[in-house]
Protein backbone atom coordinates (compact mmCIF):
# COMPACT_ATOMS: atom_id res chain seq x y z
CA MET A 1 34.57 71.91 -1.90
CA ILE A 2 32.34 68.93 -1.05
CA GLU A 3 32.00 66.36 -3.82
CA THR A 4 28.51 65.33 -4.86
CA ILE A 5 27.93 61.68 -5.72
CA ALA A 6 24.87 59.87 -7.07
CA VAL A 7 23.36 57.03 -5.04
CA LYS A 8 20.36 54.74 -5.42
CA LYS A 9 18.26 53.03 -2.78
CA ARG A 10 18.22 49.24 -2.83
CA ASP A 11 15.68 46.83 -1.42
CA VAL A 12 17.54 43.60 -2.18
CA LYS A 13 19.81 41.99 0.40
CA GLY A 14 21.82 38.79 0.73
CA SER A 15 25.09 37.58 -0.76
CA ARG A 16 23.66 36.64 -4.17
CA ALA A 17 22.08 40.06 -4.57
CA MET A 18 25.34 41.74 -3.57
CA ILE A 19 27.24 39.75 -6.17
CA ARG A 20 24.77 40.82 -8.89
CA ILE A 21 25.13 44.47 -7.83
CA ARG A 22 28.92 44.27 -8.09
CA GLU A 23 28.72 42.49 -11.44
CA SER A 24 26.64 45.41 -12.74
CA GLY A 25 29.43 47.88 -11.93
CA SER A 26 28.05 49.18 -8.63
CA ILE A 27 28.94 48.69 -4.98
CA PRO A 28 26.49 47.97 -2.12
CA ALA A 29 26.54 50.69 0.52
CA ILE A 30 24.80 51.74 3.71
CA LEU A 31 24.02 55.14 5.21
CA TYR A 32 23.66 55.36 8.99
CA GLY A 33 24.01 57.72 11.95
CA HIS A 34 22.43 60.70 13.71
CA GLY A 35 19.79 58.42 15.20
CA GLU A 36 18.03 58.02 11.87
CA GLU A 37 17.06 54.84 10.07
CA ASN A 38 19.77 52.99 8.15
CA VAL A 39 19.37 53.22 4.38
CA CYS A 40 20.71 50.57 1.98
CA LEU A 41 22.22 52.10 -1.14
CA THR A 42 24.24 51.39 -4.26
CA VAL A 43 26.94 53.62 -5.71
CA SER A 44 28.97 53.16 -8.88
CA LEU A 45 32.36 51.47 -8.59
CA ASP A 46 33.98 54.30 -10.59
CA THR A 47 32.68 56.81 -8.04
CA VAL A 48 34.05 54.85 -5.09
CA ASN A 49 37.43 54.40 -6.80
CA ASN A 50 37.56 58.14 -7.43
CA LEU A 51 36.83 58.92 -3.77
CA ILE A 52 39.60 56.57 -2.65
CA LYS A 53 42.08 57.88 -5.23
CA HIS A 54 41.64 61.49 -4.12
CA GLY A 55 41.27 60.76 -0.41
CA THR A 56 37.79 62.30 -0.35
CA LYS A 57 36.00 61.88 2.97
CA LEU A 58 33.06 64.29 3.03
CA VAL A 59 30.44 63.93 0.29
CA THR A 60 26.96 65.11 -0.60
CA LEU A 61 24.67 62.24 -1.54
CA SER A 62 22.14 62.92 -4.28
CA GLY A 63 19.61 60.92 -6.24
CA ASP A 64 17.22 58.72 -4.29
CA ILE A 65 18.40 60.37 -1.09
CA ASP A 66 19.85 63.78 -0.27
CA ASP A 67 22.23 64.01 2.67
CA THR A 68 25.75 64.92 3.74
CA ALA A 69 27.90 61.99 4.76
CA LEU A 70 31.37 60.83 5.64
CA LEU A 71 32.94 57.91 3.79
CA ARG A 72 33.56 55.96 6.98
CA ALA A 73 34.68 52.53 5.80
CA VAL A 74 35.59 50.60 2.67
CA GLN A 75 35.36 46.80 2.88
CA TRP A 76 37.61 44.78 0.55
CA SER A 77 37.52 41.13 -0.48
CA SER A 78 39.56 38.64 1.54
CA MET A 79 42.37 38.89 -1.04
CA GLY A 80 42.15 42.68 -1.09
CA ASP A 81 41.69 42.82 -4.86
CA TYR A 82 38.20 44.33 -5.11
CA ILE A 83 35.73 46.38 -3.05
CA ILE A 84 32.66 44.61 -1.71
CA HIS A 85 30.93 47.27 0.44
CA VAL A 86 31.18 50.90 1.64
CA ASP A 87 29.79 52.65 4.72
CA PHE A 88 28.58 56.25 4.81
CA ALA A 89 27.92 58.02 8.12
CA ARG A 90 25.57 61.00 8.25
CA VAL A 91 27.36 64.15 9.32
CA SER A 92 26.65 67.84 9.66
CA GLN A 93 29.08 70.21 7.97
CA THR A 94 29.38 72.11 11.24
CA GLU A 95 30.27 69.17 13.48
CA THR A 96 33.71 67.91 14.48
CA VAL A 97 34.68 64.40 13.37
CA GLU A 98 37.51 61.92 13.81
CA VAL A 99 39.07 60.62 10.61
CA SER A 100 42.21 58.79 9.53
CA VAL A 101 44.27 60.75 7.02
CA PRO A 102 47.23 59.48 4.95
CA ILE A 103 50.69 61.02 5.35
CA HIS A 104 52.74 62.13 2.34
CA LEU A 105 56.50 62.55 2.76
CA HIS A 106 58.02 65.63 1.13
CA GLY A 107 61.68 66.25 0.39
CA GLU A 108 64.82 64.11 0.66
CA ALA A 109 66.33 63.15 4.01
CA PRO A 110 70.08 64.02 4.04
CA GLY A 111 70.73 61.18 6.48
CA ALA A 112 69.45 58.61 3.99
CA MET A 113 71.61 59.78 1.07
CA SER A 114 74.64 57.74 2.13
CA SER A 115 75.04 53.98 2.30
CA ALA A 116 74.97 54.19 6.11
CA GLY A 117 71.43 55.55 6.41
CA GLN A 118 68.05 54.02 5.60
CA LEU A 119 64.77 55.93 5.49
CA ARG A 120 61.98 54.10 7.32
CA PHE A 121 58.39 55.27 6.77
CA VAL A 122 56.87 53.80 9.93
CA THR A 123 53.36 55.31 10.22
CA HIS A 124 51.47 55.94 6.99
CA GLU A 125 48.36 57.59 8.41
CA VAL A 126 47.20 59.40 11.53
CA THR A 127 43.83 59.96 13.12
CA ILE A 128 42.87 63.59 13.64
CA ARG A 129 39.88 65.50 14.99
CA CYS A 130 38.71 68.44 12.89
CA PRO A 131 35.62 70.19 11.45
CA ALA A 132 33.93 68.01 8.82
CA VAL A 133 34.32 70.68 6.15
CA LYS A 134 38.08 70.94 6.76
CA ILE A 135 39.13 67.30 6.41
CA PRO A 136 42.41 67.29 4.46
CA GLU A 137 43.11 64.80 1.67
CA PHE A 138 46.50 64.15 3.27
CA ILE A 139 49.03 65.59 5.72
CA VAL A 140 52.50 66.56 4.53
CA CYS A 141 55.53 65.47 6.55
CA GLU A 142 58.67 67.44 5.67
CA ILE A 143 61.82 65.27 5.83
CA GLY A 144 64.32 67.64 4.19
CA ALA A 145 66.29 68.14 7.43
CA LEU A 146 66.18 64.56 8.73
CA GLN A 147 69.66 63.28 9.64
CA LEU A 148 70.97 59.83 10.51
CA GLY A 149 69.54 58.71 13.87
CA GLN A 150 66.73 61.28 13.83
CA SER A 151 62.95 60.72 13.80
CA ILE A 152 59.80 62.76 13.23
CA HIS A 153 56.91 62.11 15.61
CA VAL A 154 53.17 62.83 15.42
CA ASN A 155 53.52 65.94 17.58
CA GLU A 156 55.93 67.42 15.01
CA LEU A 157 53.47 67.24 12.12
CA LYS A 158 51.98 70.47 10.81
CA LEU A 159 48.23 69.90 11.03
CA PRO A 160 45.55 71.97 9.28
CA GLU A 161 44.01 74.87 11.17
CA GLY A 162 41.45 73.64 13.68
CA ALA A 163 42.75 70.05 13.66
CA THR A 164 44.21 68.11 16.59
CA ALA A 165 45.91 64.72 16.60
CA VAL A 166 44.15 61.73 18.13
CA THR A 167 47.04 59.38 17.39
CA PRO A 168 49.48 59.53 20.36
CA SER A 169 52.07 62.29 19.98
CA SER A 170 55.02 59.96 20.64
CA ILE A 171 54.30 57.70 17.64
CA VAL A 172 57.15 57.76 15.08
CA ILE A 173 56.15 58.81 11.57
CA VAL A 174 59.48 58.46 9.80
CA GLN A 175 63.11 57.95 10.81
CA VAL A 176 66.59 57.55 9.36
CA ALA A 177 68.22 54.48 10.88
CA ALA A 178 71.60 52.86 10.34
CA GLN A 179 71.61 50.32 7.53
CA SER A 180 71.34 46.79 8.82
CA GLY A 181 74.82 45.31 9.24
CA ALA A 182 76.63 48.61 8.67
CA GLU A 183 77.98 48.82 12.22
CA GLY A 184 78.95 45.17 12.21
CA ALA A 185 80.93 45.62 8.99
CA GLU A 186 82.94 48.47 10.55
CA ALA A 187 83.60 46.44 13.68
CA THR A 188 84.98 43.47 11.76
CA ALA A 189 87.09 45.52 9.33
CA SER A 190 89.89 46.54 11.74
CA PRO A 191 91.11 43.12 12.99
CA SER A 192 91.80 41.87 9.46
CA GLU A 193 95.07 43.81 8.96
CA PRO A 194 96.83 42.69 12.19
CA GLU A 195 95.94 39.12 11.24
CA LEU A 196 97.81 39.52 7.94
CA ILE A 197 100.79 41.06 9.75
CA ARG A 198 100.98 38.06 12.05
CA LYS A 199 101.02 35.74 9.09
CA GLU A 200 103.88 37.70 7.47
CA LYS A 201 105.94 37.55 10.66
CA ALA A 202 105.42 33.81 10.86
CA ALA A 203 106.69 33.48 7.27
CA ASP A 204 109.78 35.59 8.09
CA ALA A 205 110.59 33.40 11.11
CA GLY A 206 110.55 30.28 9.02
CA ALA A 207 112.82 31.75 6.30
């Protein structure tokens, strides 16, 4: 189901105007694409936060303008603590689009349940190509069979029907690696006992 959000056209531009818009609880936005004229908009901050929270990509714009669009980009402040602008790209529900989708890990990796193994979540999102109406909120990566020394790559992900990966297939999503220093600890453990034996023999010789 495509979410419908309310937008308003805006005529004001410039940094001061953008600050006033954000202070009023809205976010400046722009709608572009399909060879049509760019349209400056505003959308409520609560609406944008809700889209981000649920991973919503495809939306129906209503209010001062009626269109179907893709939430293409979210621009954050330099400190990353608040949103300053969003981009919407016009899109037809029947066309194929490229989007980045977050990855959610599911299950517990057996290889990471001991002190020797460490789970490393390497790639948190992948870019896929799929019909606009079938963009998933996220892609599940099953790690329930992942053992020490094993990895899951992009080509092993289960993608939605009609979707193909744009991110290279060899990219590692998640792996179970040896804990840092674990091998070194094992290597240095064995020489300690012979060293003690040598010290005991030296004590016996002096007795």
